[in-house]
Amino acid sequence: MQLRRSSKAVIGLMTGLAGLILVAPPAQAGGDTSRYHGCAAHWRETATWNECQNATGVDVRLESDCNNQGDYTGSYKYVKGTVNPLDRFECRWKANGAALGFK
């Protein structure tokens, strides 16, 4: 009988822990892409920008995803070396993300 109560307690504890694991983390206020050809895109609350460090000679553009307004796609710019920022855009309400475009 005690073994049975003990196993019920363990199952109850595991169920409680599973509930804790399912709780969503707070929304992220910004982020950064991985660096590709020396370039990366970044976004914060409303700001988006891209920059390159030691780029070997690439055509790159900024692509911004904004909430409740038109998104932004910059023109391609040739980069060789380090440029910070290369391009930037300010979203009116919120930046959902940013990406790099290459040709």
PDB file of N, CA and C in Angstrom:
ATOM      1  N   MET A   1       0.820  -1.193   0.000  1.00  0.00           N
ATOM      2  CA  MET A   1       0.000   0.000   0.000  1.00  0.00           C
ATOM      3  C   MET A   1       0.866   1.260   0.000  1.00  0.00           C
ATOM      4  N   GLN A   2       1.915   1.285   0.771  1.00  0.00           N
ATOM      5  CA  GLN A   2       2.762   2.477   0.814  1.00  0.00           C
ATOM      6  C   GLN A   2       3.490   2.699  -0.502  1.00  0.00           C
ATOM      7  N   LEU A   3       3.850   1.606  -1.159  1.00  0.00           N
ATOM      8  CA  LEU A   3       4.496   1.732  -2.465  1.00  0.00           C
ATOM      9  C   LEU A   3       3.541   2.409  -3.450  1.00  0.00           C
ATOM     10  N   ARG A   4       2.292   2.084  -3.344  1.00  0.00           N
ATOM     11  CA  ARG A   4       1.300   2.677  -4.239  1.00  0.00           C
ATOM     12  C   ARG A   4       1.157   4.175  -3.967  1.00  0.00           C
ATOM     13  N   ARG A   5       1.074   4.571  -2.721  1.00  0.00           N
ATOM     14  CA  ARG A   5       0.990   6.009  -2.394  1.00  0.00           C
ATOM     15  C   ARG A   5       2.233   6.739  -2.885  1.00  0.00           C
ATOM     16  N   SER A   6       3.372   6.126  -2.691  1.00  0.00           N
ATOM     17  CA  SER A   6       4.626   6.730  -3.113  1.00  0.00           C
ATOM     18  C   SER A   6       4.641   6.945  -4.626  1.00  0.00           C
ATOM     19  N   SER A   7       4.177   5.958  -5.378  1.00  0.00           N
ATOM     20  CA  SER A   7       4.178   6.117  -6.831  1.00  0.00           C
ATOM     21  C   SER A   7       3.177   7.183  -7.266  1.00  0.00           C
ATOM     22  N   LYS A   8       2.045   7.309  -6.545  1.00  0.00           N
ATOM     23  CA  LYS A   8       1.091   8.373  -6.854  1.00  0.00           C
ATOM     24  C   LYS A   8       1.708   9.741  -6.591  1.00  0.00           C
ATOM     25  N   ALA A   9       2.481   9.837  -5.519  1.00  0.00           N
ATOM     26  CA  ALA A   9       3.137  11.104  -5.206  1.00  0.00           C
ATOM     27  C   ALA A   9       4.156  11.455  -6.285  1.00  0.00           C
ATOM     28  N   VAL A  10       4.893  10.454  -6.758  1.00  0.00           N
ATOM     29  CA  VAL A  10       5.882  10.693  -7.810  1.00  0.00           C
ATOM     30  C   VAL A  10       5.186  11.130  -9.094  1.00  0.00           C
ATOM     31  N   ILE A  11       4.086  10.460  -9.436  1.00  0.00           N
ATOM     32  CA  ILE A  11       3.339  10.840 -10.641  1.00  0.00           C
ATOM     33  C   ILE A  11       2.788  12.250 -10.493  1.00  0.00           C
ATOM     34  N   GLY A  12       2.276  12.597  -9.329  1.00  0.00           N
ATOM     35  CA  GLY A  12       1.781  13.953  -9.098  1.00  0.00           C
ATOM     36  C   GLY A  12       2.879  14.989  -9.220  1.00  0.00           C
ATOM     37  N   LEU A  13       4.053  14.672  -8.685  1.00  0.00           N
ATOM     38  CA  LEU A  13       5.191  15.584  -8.778  1.00  0.00           C
ATOM     39  C   LEU A  13       5.620  15.759 -10.231  1.00  0.00           C
ATOM     40  N   MET A  14       5.675  14.665 -10.988  1.00  0.00           N
ATOM     41  CA  MET A  14       6.076  14.737 -12.394  1.00  0.00           C
ATOM     42  C   MET A  14       5.055  15.542 -13.198  1.00  0.00           C
ATOM     43  N   THR A  15       3.783  15.365 -12.912  1.00  0.00           N
ATOM     44  CA  THR A  15       2.744  16.127 -13.594  1.00  0.00           C
ATOM     45  C   THR A  15       2.900  17.614 -13.288  1.00  0.00           C
ATOM     46  N   GLY A  16       3.171  17.936 -12.046  1.00  0.00           N
ATOM     47  CA  GLY A  16       3.391  19.334 -11.667  1.00  0.00           C
ATOM     48  C   GLY A  16       4.597  19.930 -12.369  1.00  0.00           C
ATOM     49  N   LEU A  17       5.687  19.168 -12.455  1.00  0.00           N
ATOM     50  CA  LEU A  17       6.884  19.647 -13.146  1.00  0.00           C
ATOM     51  C   LEU A  17       6.625  19.809 -14.638  1.00  0.00           C
ATOM     52  N   ALA A  18       5.857  18.893 -15.212  1.00  0.00           N
ATOM     53  CA  ALA A  18       5.535  19.016 -16.640  1.00  0.00           C
ATOM     54  C   ALA A  18       4.766  20.303 -16.898  1.00  0.00           C
ATOM     55  N   GLY A  19       3.897  20.691 -15.981  1.00  0.00           N
ATOM     56  CA  GLY A  19       3.173  21.951 -16.111  1.00  0.00           C
ATOM     57  C   GLY A  19       4.102  23.137 -16.085  1.00  0.00           C
ATOM     58  N   LEU A  20       5.149  23.069 -15.285  1.00  0.00           N
ATOM     59  CA  LEU A  20       6.120  24.150 -15.222  1.00  0.00           C
ATOM     60  C   LEU A  20       6.912  24.258 -16.519  1.00  0.00           C
ATOM     61  N   ILE A  21       7.218  23.140 -17.111  1.00  0.00           N
ATOM     62  CA  ILE A  21       8.001  23.124 -18.338  1.00  0.00           C
ATOM     63  C   ILE A  21       7.210  23.732 -19.496  1.00  0.00           C
ATOM     64  N   LEU A  22       5.890  23.585 -19.484  1.00  0.00           N
ATOM     65  CA  LEU A  22       5.065  24.082 -20.574  1.00  0.00           C
ATOM     66  C   LEU A  22       4.819  25.581 -20.523  1.00  0.00           C
ATOM     67  N   VAL A  23       5.213  26.230 -19.446  1.00  0.00           N
ATOM     68  CA  VAL A  23       5.024  27.674 -19.336  1.00  0.00           C
ATOM     69  C   VAL A  23       5.937  28.364 -20.339  1.00  0.00           C
ATOM     70  N   ALA A  24       5.368  29.249 -21.146  1.00  0.00           N
ATOM     71  CA  ALA A  24       6.127  29.935 -22.198  1.00  0.00           C
ATOM     72  C   ALA A  24       7.040  30.997 -21.586  1.00  0.00           C
ATOM     73  N   PRO A  25       8.260  31.141 -22.127  1.00  0.00           N
ATOM     74  CA  PRO A  25       9.143  32.211 -21.665  1.00  0.00           C
ATOM     75  C   PRO A  25       8.630  33.555 -22.140  1.00  0.00           C
ATOM     76  N   PRO A  26       9.073  34.652 -21.537  1.00  0.00           N
ATOM     77  CA  PRO A  26       8.632  35.974 -21.981  1.00  0.00           C
ATOM     78  C   PRO A  26       9.082  36.246 -23.415  1.00  0.00           C
ATOM     79  N   ALA A  27       8.341  37.084 -24.099  1.00  0.00           N
ATOM     80  CA  ALA A  27       8.660  37.410 -25.492  1.00  0.00           C
ATOM     81  C   ALA A  27      10.029  38.072 -25.591  1.00  0.00           C
ATOM     82  N   GLN A  28      10.735  37.729 -26.633  1.00  0.00           N
ATOM     83  CA  GLN A  28      12.070  38.281 -26.842  1.00  0.00           C
ATOM     84  C   GLN A  28      11.952  39.673 -27.436  1.00  0.00           C
ATOM     85  N   ALA A  29      12.688  40.627 -26.895  1.00  0.00           N
ATOM     86  CA  ALA A  29      12.619  42.011 -27.358  1.00  0.00           C
ATOM     87  C   ALA A  29      13.554  42.271 -28.530  1.00  0.00           C
ATOM     88  N   GLY A  30      14.361  41.327 -28.905  1.00  0.00           N
ATOM     89  CA  GLY A  30      15.274  41.534 -30.012  1.00  0.00           C
ATOM     90  C   GLY A  30      16.053  40.283 -30.319  1.00  0.00           C
ATOM     91  N   GLY A  31      16.919  40.383 -31.302  1.00  0.00           N
ATOM     92  CA  GLY A  31      17.723  39.228 -31.660  1.00  0.00           C
ATOM     93  C   GLY A  31      18.797  39.575 -32.670  1.00  0.00           C
ATOM     94  N   ASP A  32      19.568  38.562 -33.008  1.00  0.00           N
ATOM     95  CA  ASP A  32      20.681  38.699 -33.943  1.00  0.00           C
ATOM     96  C   ASP A  32      20.720  37.453 -34.822  1.00  0.00           C
ATOM     97  N   THR A  33      20.986  37.633 -36.092  1.00  0.00           N
ATOM     98  CA  THR A  33      21.160  36.479 -36.966  1.00  0.00           C
ATOM     99  C   THR A  33      22.580  35.955 -36.812  1.00  0.00           C
ATOM    100  N   SER A  34      22.797  34.775 -37.317  1.00  0.00           N
ATOM    101  CA  SER A  34      24.159  34.242 -37.381  1.00  0.00           C
ATOM    102  C   SER A  34      24.932  35.047 -38.421  1.00  0.00           C
ATOM    103  N   ARG A  35      26.220  35.095 -38.259  1.00  0.00           N
ATOM    104  CA  ARG A  35      27.066  35.813 -39.197  1.00  0.00           C
ATOM    105  C   ARG A  35      27.271  34.959 -40.446  1.00  0.00           C
ATOM    106  N   TYR A  36      27.102  35.564 -41.619  1.00  0.00           N
ATOM    107  CA  TYR A  36      27.265  34.872 -42.900  1.00  0.00           C
ATOM    108  C   TYR A  36      28.069  35.782 -43.817  1.00  0.00           C
ATOM    109  N   HIS A  37      29.154  35.293 -44.364  1.00  0.00           N
ATOM    110  CA  HIS A  37      30.082  36.108 -45.170  1.00  0.00           C
ATOM    111  C   HIS A  37      30.550  37.331 -44.385  1.00  0.00           C
ATOM    112  N   GLY A  38      30.595  37.220 -43.063  1.00  0.00           N
ATOM    113  CA  GLY A  38      31.049  38.321 -42.217  1.00  0.00           C
ATOM    114  C   GLY A  38      29.960  39.308 -41.826  1.00  0.00           C
ATOM    115  N   CYS A  39      28.712  39.083 -42.296  1.00  0.00           N
ATOM    116  CA  CYS A  39      27.620  40.035 -42.048  1.00  0.00           C
ATOM    117  C   CYS A  39      26.554  39.429 -41.129  1.00  0.00           C
ATOM    118  N   ALA A  40      25.865  40.299 -40.392  1.00  0.00           N
ATOM    119  CA  ALA A  40      24.776  39.874 -39.515  1.00  0.00           C
ATOM    120  C   ALA A  40      23.711  40.951 -39.483  1.00  0.00           C
ATOM    121  N   ALA A  41      22.475  40.529 -39.223  1.00  0.00           N
ATOM    122  CA  ALA A  41      21.358  41.462 -39.060  1.00  0.00           C
ATOM    123  C   ALA A  41      20.943  41.438 -37.595  1.00  0.00           C
ATOM    124  N   HIS A  42      20.432  42.559 -37.106  1.00  0.00           N
ATOM    125  CA  HIS A  42      20.054  42.702 -35.701  1.00  0.00           C
ATOM    126  C   HIS A  42      18.709  43.417 -35.613  1.00  0.00           C
ATOM    127  N   TRP A  43      17.958  43.128 -34.551  1.00  0.00           N
ATOM    128  CA  TRP A  43      16.731  43.867 -34.274  1.00  0.00           C
ATOM    129  C   TRP A  43      16.551  43.980 -32.780  1.00  0.00           C
ATOM    130  N   ARG A  44      15.985  45.116 -32.404  1.00  0.00           N
ATOM    131  CA  ARG A  44      15.637  45.377 -31.003  1.00  0.00           C
ATOM    132  C   ARG A  44      14.170  45.793 -30.982  1.00  0.00           C
ATOM    133  N   GLU A  45      13.746  46.562 -30.035  1.00  0.00           N
ATOM    134  CA  GLU A  45      12.324  46.893 -29.893  1.00  0.00           C
ATOM    135  C   GLU A  45      11.715  47.403 -31.206  1.00  0.00           C
ATOM    136  N   THR A  46      12.258  48.464 -31.756  1.00  0.00           N
ATOM    137  CA  THR A  46      11.760  48.985 -33.038  1.00  0.00           C
ATOM    138  C   THR A  46      12.874  49.130 -34.078  1.00  0.00           C
ATOM    139  N   ALA A  47      14.108  49.002 -33.680  1.00  0.00           N
ATOM    140  CA  ALA A  47      15.243  49.238 -34.578  1.00  0.00           C
ATOM    141  C   ALA A  47      15.693  47.946 -35.270  1.00  0.00           C
ATOM    142  N   THR A  48      16.063  48.070 -36.543  1.00  0.00           N
ATOM    143  CA  THR A  48      16.682  46.976 -37.287  1.00  0.00           C
ATOM    144  C   THR A  48      17.902  47.534 -38.010  1.00  0.00           C
ATOM    145  N   TRP A  49      18.943  46.732 -38.113  1.00  0.00           N
ATOM    146  CA  TRP A  49      20.136  47.161 -38.841  1.00  0.00           C
ATOM    147  C   TRP A  49      20.975  45.954 -39.200  1.00  0.00           C
ATOM    148  N   ASN A  50      21.876  46.143 -40.147  1.00  0.00           N
ATOM    149  CA  ASN A  50      22.847  45.098 -40.465  1.00  0.00           C
ATOM    150  C   ASN A  50      24.231  45.707 -40.490  1.00  0.00           C
ATOM    151  N   GLU A  51      25.220  44.846 -40.317  1.00  0.00           N
ATOM    152  CA  GLU A  51      26.614  45.279 -40.310  1.00  0.00           C
ATOM    153  C   GLU A  51      27.482  44.121 -40.777  1.00  0.00           C
ATOM    154  N   CYS A  52      28.663  44.457 -41.238  1.00  0.00           N
ATOM    155  CA  CYS A  52      29.603  43.448 -41.718  1.00  0.00           C
ATOM    156  C   CYS A  52      30.970  43.675 -41.080  1.00  0.00           C
ATOM    157  N   GLN A  53      31.623  42.584 -40.735  1.00  0.00           N
ATOM    158  CA  GLN A  53      32.985  42.630 -40.193  1.00  0.00           C
ATOM    159  C   GLN A  53      33.871  41.745 -41.059  1.00  0.00           C
ATOM    160  N   ASN A  54      34.884  42.342 -41.613  1.00  0.00           N
ATOM    161  CA  ASN A  54      35.836  41.617 -42.462  1.00  0.00           C
ATOM    162  C   ASN A  54      35.148  40.864 -43.601  1.00  0.00           C
ATOM    163  N   ALA A  55      34.171  41.495 -44.217  1.00  0.00           N
ATOM    164  CA  ALA A  55      33.486  40.881 -45.357  1.00  0.00           C
ATOM    165  C   ALA A  55      34.464  40.746 -46.519  1.00  0.00           C
ATOM    166  N   THR A  56      34.332  39.667 -47.253  1.00  0.00           N
ATOM    167  CA  THR A  56      35.284  39.380 -48.328  1.00  0.00           C
ATOM    168  C   THR A  56      34.877  39.959 -49.674  1.00  0.00           C
ATOM    169  N   GLY A  57      33.782  40.696 -49.715  1.00  0.00           N
ATOM    170  CA  GLY A  57      33.285  41.285 -50.949  1.00  0.00           C
ATOM    171  C   GLY A  57      31.966  40.649 -51.341  1.00  0.00           C
ATOM    172  N   VAL A  58      30.876  41.137 -50.778  1.00  0.00           N
ATOM    173  CA  VAL A  58      29.548  40.568 -51.026  1.00  0.00           C
ATOM    174  C   VAL A  58      28.540  41.678 -51.285  1.00  0.00           C
ATOM    175  N   ASP A  59      27.483  41.345 -52.011  1.00  0.00           N
ATOM    176  CA  ASP A  59      26.336  42.237 -52.180  1.00  0.00           C
ATOM    177  C   ASP A  59      25.290  41.800 -51.161  1.00  0.00           C
ATOM    178  N   VAL A  60      24.937  42.704 -50.258  1.00  0.00           N
ATOM    179  CA  VAL A  60      24.031  42.357 -49.158  1.00  0.00           C
ATOM    180  C   VAL A  60      23.002  43.458 -48.962  1.00  0.00           C
ATOM    181  N   ARG A  61      21.822  43.070 -48.468  1.00  0.00           N
ATOM    182  CA  ARG A  61      20.794  44.059 -48.147  1.00  0.00           C
ATOM    183  C   ARG A  61      20.103  43.673 -46.845  1.00  0.00           C
ATOM    184  N   LEU A  62      19.469  44.669 -46.219  1.00  0.00           N
ATOM    185  CA  LEU A  62      18.709  44.471 -44.991  1.00  0.00           C
ATOM    186  C   LEU A  62      17.252  44.205 -45.340  1.00  0.00           C
ATOM    187  N   GLU A  63      16.651  43.211 -44.681  1.00  0.00           N
ATOM    188  CA  GLU A  63      15.231  42.914 -44.831  1.00  0.00           C
ATOM    189  C   GLU A  63      14.619  42.946 -43.435  1.00  0.00           C
ATOM    190  N   SER A  64      13.730  43.925 -43.186  1.00  0.00           N
ATOM    191  CA  SER A  64      13.142  44.123 -41.862  1.00  0.00           C
ATOM    192  C   SER A  64      11.687  43.679 -41.847  1.00  0.00           C
ATOM    193  N   ASP A  65      11.315  42.972 -40.792  1.00  0.00           N
ATOM    194  CA  ASP A  65       9.938  42.522 -40.588  1.00  0.00           C
ATOM    195  C   ASP A  65       9.337  43.363 -39.472  1.00  0.00           C
ATOM    196  N   CYS A  66       8.404  44.255 -39.839  1.00  0.00           N
ATOM    197  CA  CYS A  66       7.793  45.159 -38.867  1.00  0.00           C
ATOM    198  C   CYS A  66       6.353  44.758 -38.591  1.00  0.00           C
ATOM    199  N   ASN A  67       5.893  45.017 -37.382  1.00  0.00           N
ATOM    200  CA  ASN A  67       4.538  44.711 -36.961  1.00  0.00           C
ATOM    201  C   ASN A  67       3.607  45.865 -37.324  1.00  0.00           C
ATOM    202  N   ASN A  68       2.479  45.570 -37.957  1.00  0.00           N
ATOM    203  CA  ASN A  68       1.433  46.550 -38.276  1.00  0.00           C
ATOM    204  C   ASN A  68       1.893  47.686 -39.181  1.00  0.00           C
ATOM    205  N   GLN A  69       2.805  47.405 -40.071  1.00  0.00           N
ATOM    206  CA  GLN A  69       3.192  48.400 -41.070  1.00  0.00           C
ATOM    207  C   GLN A  69       3.922  47.661 -42.174  1.00  0.00           C
ATOM    208  N   GLY A  70       4.174  48.352 -43.259  1.00  0.00           N
ATOM    209  CA  GLY A  70       4.903  47.719 -44.346  1.00  0.00           C
ATOM    210  C   GLY A  70       6.304  47.331 -43.929  1.00  0.00           C
ATOM    211  N   ASP A  71       6.751  46.191 -44.418  1.00  0.00           N
ATOM    212  CA  ASP A  71       8.112  45.749 -44.143  1.00  0.00           C
ATOM    213  C   ASP A  71       9.089  46.555 -44.995  1.00  0.00           C
ATOM    214  N   TYR A  72      10.369  46.445 -44.680  1.00  0.00           N
ATOM    215  CA  TYR A  72      11.392  47.208 -45.382  1.00  0.00           C
ATOM    216  C   TYR A  72      12.371  46.238 -46.040  1.00  0.00           C
ATOM    217  N   THR A  73      12.672  46.487 -47.300  1.00  0.00           N
ATOM    218  CA  THR A  73      13.718  45.756 -48.003  1.00  0.00           C
ATOM    219  C   THR A  73      14.649  46.791 -48.604  1.00  0.00           C
ATOM    220  N   GLY A  74      15.870  46.825 -48.118  1.00  0.00           N
ATOM    221  CA  GLY A  74      16.848  47.794 -48.591  1.00  0.00           C
ATOM    222  C   GLY A  74      17.429  47.399 -49.938  1.00  0.00           C
ATOM    223  N   SER A  75      18.190  48.301 -50.506  1.00  0.00           N
ATOM    224  CA  SER A  75      18.860  48.003 -51.769  1.00  0.00           C
ATOM    225  C   SER A  75      20.170  47.265 -51.476  1.00  0.00           C
ATOM    226  N   TYR A  76      20.627  46.506 -52.470  1.00  0.00           N
ATOM    227  CA  TYR A  76      21.888  45.774 -52.308  1.00  0.00           C
ATOM    228  C   TYR A  76      23.048  46.753 -52.242  1.00  0.00           C
ATOM    229  N   LYS A  77      23.981  46.468 -51.364  1.00  0.00           N
ATOM    230  CA  LYS A  77      25.197  47.271 -51.242  1.00  0.00           C
ATOM    231  C   LYS A  77      26.393  46.331 -51.257  1.00  0.00           C
ATOM    232  N   TYR A  78      27.412  46.708 -51.996  1.00  0.00           N
ATOM    233  CA  TYR A  78      28.634  45.905 -52.051  1.00  0.00           C
ATOM    234  C   TYR A  78      29.498  46.246 -50.843  1.00  0.00           C
ATOM    235  N   VAL A  79      29.922  45.213 -50.131  1.00  0.00           N
ATOM    236  CA  VAL A  79      30.726  45.423 -48.921  1.00  0.00           C
ATOM    237  C   VAL A  79      31.991  44.583 -48.990  1.00  0.00           C
ATOM    238  N   LYS A  80      33.098  45.242 -48.735  1.00  0.00           N
ATOM    239  CA  LYS A  80      34.381  44.553 -48.566  1.00  0.00           C
ATOM    240  C   LYS A  80      35.041  45.212 -47.372  1.00  0.00           C
ATOM    241  N   GLY A  81      35.248  44.454 -46.313  1.00  0.00           N
ATOM    242  CA  GLY A  81      35.818  45.015 -45.095  1.00  0.00           C
ATOM    243  C   GLY A  81      34.769  45.121 -44.006  1.00  0.00           C
ATOM    244  N   THR A  82      34.872  46.164 -43.179  1.00  0.00           N
ATOM    245  CA  THR A  82      33.983  46.330 -42.031  1.00  0.00           C
ATOM    246  C   THR A  82      33.179  47.613 -42.173  1.00  0.00           C
ATOM    247  N   VAL A  83      31.856  47.495 -42.047  1.00  0.00           N
ATOM    248  CA  VAL A  83      30.943  48.640 -42.100  1.00  0.00           C
ATOM    249  C   VAL A  83      29.882  48.422 -41.027  1.00  0.00           C
ATOM    250  N   ASN A  84      29.718  49.405 -40.139  1.00  0.00           N
ATOM    251  CA  ASN A  84      28.725  49.286 -39.067  1.00  0.00           C
ATOM    252  C   ASN A  84      28.116  50.646 -38.775  1.00  0.00           C
ATOM    253  N   PRO A  85      26.847  50.899 -38.971  1.00  0.00           N
ATOM    254  CA  PRO A  85      25.901  50.005 -39.641  1.00  0.00           C
ATOM    255  C   PRO A  85      25.987  50.168 -41.152  1.00  0.00           C
ATOM    256  N   LEU A  86      25.599  49.133 -41.843  1.00  0.00           N
ATOM    257  CA  LEU A  86      25.550  49.179 -43.304  1.00  0.00           C
ATOM    258  C   LEU A  86      24.226  49.794 -43.748  1.00  0.00           C
ATOM    259  N   ASP A  87      23.149  49.369 -43.123  1.00  0.00           N
ATOM    260  CA  ASP A  87      21.816  49.885 -43.416  1.00  0.00           C
ATOM    261  C   ASP A  87      21.014  49.777 -42.124  1.00  0.00           C
ATOM    262  N   ARG A  88      20.009  50.617 -41.970  1.00  0.00           N
ATOM    263  CA  ARG A  88      19.153  50.533 -40.783  1.00  0.00           C
ATOM    264  C   ARG A  88      17.759  51.021 -41.114  1.00  0.00           C
ATOM    265  N   PHE A  89      16.788  50.524 -40.334  1.00  0.00           N
ATOM    266  CA  PHE A  89      15.405  50.924 -40.510  1.00  0.00           C
ATOM    267  C   PHE A  89      14.726  50.904 -39.153  1.00  0.00           C
ATOM    268  N   GLU A  90      13.910  51.892 -38.905  1.00  0.00           N
ATOM    269  CA  GLU A  90      13.168  51.995 -37.641  1.00  0.00           C
ATOM    270  C   GLU A  90      11.705  51.657 -37.907  1.00  0.00           C
ATOM    271  N   CYS A  91      11.225  50.573 -37.306  1.00  0.00           N
ATOM    272  CA  CYS A  91       9.814  50.204 -37.422  1.00  0.00           C
ATOM    273  C   CYS A  91       8.987  51.147 -36.550  1.00  0.00           C
ATOM    274  N   ARG A  92       7.787  51.454 -36.982  1.00  0.00           N
ATOM    275  CA  ARG A  92       6.946  52.381 -36.223  1.00  0.00           C
ATOM    276  C   ARG A  92       6.509  51.771 -34.894  1.00  0.00           C
ATOM    277  N   TRP A  93       6.018  50.520 -34.891  1.00  0.00           N
ATOM    278  CA  TRP A  93       5.463  49.935 -33.669  1.00  0.00           C
ATOM    279  C   TRP A  93       6.385  48.907 -33.039  1.00  0.00           C
ATOM    280  N   LYS A  94       6.841  47.927 -33.827  1.00  0.00           N
ATOM    281  CA  LYS A  94       7.649  46.848 -33.263  1.00  0.00           C
ATOM    282  C   LYS A  94       8.383  46.131 -34.384  1.00  0.00           C
ATOM    283  N   ALA A  95       9.615  45.773 -34.123  1.00  0.00           N
ATOM    284  CA  ALA A  95      10.385  44.964 -35.061  1.00  0.00           C
ATOM    285  C   ALA A  95      10.216  43.494 -34.688  1.00  0.00           C
ATOM    286  N   ASN A  96       9.695  42.709 -35.612  1.00  0.00           N
ATOM    287  CA  ASN A  96       9.541  41.270 -35.370  1.00  0.00           C
ATOM    288  C   ASN A  96      10.806  40.503 -35.699  1.00  0.00           C
ATOM    289  N   GLY A  97      11.646  41.054 -36.550  1.00  0.00           N
ATOM    290  CA  GLY A  97      12.874  40.380 -36.935  1.00  0.00           C
ATOM    291  C   GLY A  97      13.578  41.102 -38.066  1.00  0.00           C
ATOM    292  N   ALA A  98      14.757  40.624 -38.390  1.00  0.00           N
ATOM    293  CA  ALA A  98      15.545  41.177 -39.492  1.00  0.00           C
ATOM    294  C   ALA A  98      16.326  40.040 -40.123  1.00  0.00           C
ATOM    295  N   ALA A  99      16.629  40.195 -41.398  1.00  0.00           N
ATOM    296  CA  ALA A  99      17.365  39.168 -42.116  1.00  0.00           C
ATOM    297  C   ALA A  99      18.297  39.834 -43.128  1.00  0.00           C
ATOM    298  N   LEU A 100      19.179  39.037 -43.666  1.00  0.00           N
ATOM    299  CA  LEU A 100      20.095  39.500 -44.706  1.00  0.00           C
ATOM    300  C   LEU A 100      19.671  38.894 -46.043  1.00  0.00           C
ATOM    301  N   GLY A 101      19.821  39.673 -47.091  1.00  0.00           N
ATOM    302  CA  GLY A 101      19.623  39.169 -48.445  1.00  0.00           C
ATOM    303  C   GLY A 101      20.950  39.286 -49.190  1.00  0.00           C
ATOM    304  N   PHE A 102      21.322  38.255 -49.935  1.00  0.00           N
ATOM    305  CA  PHE A 102      22.550  38.255 -50.712  1.00  0.00           C
ATOM    306  C   PHE A 102      22.216  37.992 -52.177  1.00  0.00           C
ATOM    307  N   LYS A 103      23.063  38.524 -53.057  1.00  0.00           N
ATOM    308  CA  LYS A 103      22.902  38.146 -54.465  1.00  0.00           C
ATOM    309  C   LYS A 103      24.180  37.590 -55.007  1.00  0.00           C
TER     310      LYS A 103
END
